[in-house]
Amino acid sequence: ACKAGGLLPFANFNRIHVCPPCNVSDAEAAEGLAILDQALEVADQHVTG
């Protein structure tokens, strides 16, 4: 879901790393977080318990 949204995070065990460029705007940061939030909603659908 992240890749489909154009976001390429790095997952390591229980952490997700997102490294935006130094010149990211507030709008771009908000867009990236929205993509990550959407991807986590997709992941939630696959978790039971």
C-alpha atoms as a PDB file:
ATOM      1  CA  ALA A   1       0.000   0.000   0.000  1.00  0.00           C
ATOM      2  CA  CYS A   2       2.896   2.383   0.698  1.00  0.00           C
ATOM      3  CA  LYS A   3       4.568   1.630  -2.616  1.00  0.00           C
ATOM      4  CA  ALA A   4       1.266   2.087  -4.475  1.00  0.00           C
ATOM      5  CA  GLY A   5       1.010   5.516  -2.838  1.00  0.00           C
ATOM      6  CA  GLY A   6       4.557   6.460  -3.831  1.00  0.00           C
ATOM      7  CA  LEU A   7       6.111   6.054  -0.373  1.00  0.00           C
ATOM      8  CA  LEU A   8       9.054   3.685   0.111  1.00  0.00           C
ATOM      9  CA  PRO A   9       9.605   3.163   3.859  1.00  0.00           C
ATOM     10  CA  PHE A  10      12.216   0.862   5.360  1.00  0.00           C
ATOM     11  CA  ALA A  11      10.775  -1.696   7.805  1.00  0.00           C
ATOM     12  CA  ASN A  12      13.055  -3.274  10.403  1.00  0.00           C
ATOM     13  CA  PHE A  13      11.408  -5.667  12.858  1.00  0.00           C
ATOM     14  CA  ASN A  14       8.839  -3.525  14.737  1.00  0.00           C
ATOM     15  CA  ARG A  15       9.952  -0.142  13.347  1.00  0.00           C
ATOM     16  CA  ILE A  16       9.159   1.768  10.178  1.00  0.00           C
ATOM     17  CA  HIS A  17      11.771   4.265   8.994  1.00  0.00           C
ATOM     18  CA  VAL A  18      10.825   7.030   6.586  1.00  0.00           C
ATOM     19  CA  CYS A  19      13.653   9.333   5.517  1.00  0.00           C
ATOM     20  CA  PRO A  20      12.293  12.374   3.693  1.00  0.00           C
ATOM     21  CA  PRO A  21      14.681  14.732   1.905  1.00  0.00           C
ATOM     22  CA  CYS A  22      15.921  17.761   3.856  1.00  0.00           C
ATOM     23  CA  ASN A  23      13.844  20.109   1.719  1.00  0.00           C
ATOM     24  CA  VAL A  24      10.446  18.457   2.245  1.00  0.00           C
ATOM     25  CA  SER A  25       7.543  20.888   2.582  1.00  0.00           C
ATOM     26  CA  ASP A  26       4.860  20.686   5.258  1.00  0.00           C
ATOM     27  CA  ALA A  27       2.352  19.570   2.613  1.00  0.00           C
ATOM     28  CA  GLU A  28       4.677  16.812   1.359  1.00  0.00           C
ATOM     29  CA  ALA A  29       5.309  15.582   4.911  1.00  0.00           C
ATOM     30  CA  ALA A  30       1.561  15.499   5.562  1.00  0.00           C
ATOM     31  CA  GLU A  31       1.025  13.593   2.297  1.00  0.00           C
ATOM     32  CA  GLY A  32       3.647  11.007   3.262  1.00  0.00           C
ATOM     33  CA  LEU A  33       2.086  10.503   6.686  1.00  0.00           C
ATOM     34  CA  ALA A  34      -1.354  10.119   5.092  1.00  0.00           C
ATOM     35  CA  ILE A  35       0.019   7.404   2.781  1.00  0.00           C
ATOM     36  CA  LEU A  36       1.598   5.627   5.748  1.00  0.00           C
ATOM     37  CA  ASP A  37      -1.667   5.883   7.707  1.00  0.00           C
ATOM     38  CA  GLN A  38      -3.578   4.362   4.789  1.00  0.00           C
ATOM     39  CA  ALA A  39      -1.055   1.516   4.545  1.00  0.00           C
ATOM     40  CA  LEU A  40      -1.427   0.805   8.266  1.00  0.00           C
ATOM     41  CA  GLU A  41      -5.209   0.629   7.829  1.00  0.00           C
ATOM     42  CA  VAL A  42      -4.670  -2.031   5.142  1.00  0.00           C
ATOM     43  CA  ALA A  43      -2.333  -3.933   7.482  1.00  0.00           C
ATOM     44  CA  ASP A  44      -4.919  -3.747  10.282  1.00  0.00           C
ATOM     45  CA  GLN A  45      -7.358  -5.656   8.082  1.00  0.00           C
ATOM     46  CA  HIS A  46      -4.959  -8.620   8.048  1.00  0.00           C
ATOM     47  CA  VAL A  47      -4.344  -8.787  11.806  1.00  0.00           C
ATOM     48  CA  THR A  48      -6.492 -10.943  14.035  1.00  0.00           C
ATOM     49  CA  GLY A  49      -6.690 -10.963  17.791  1.00  0.00           C
END
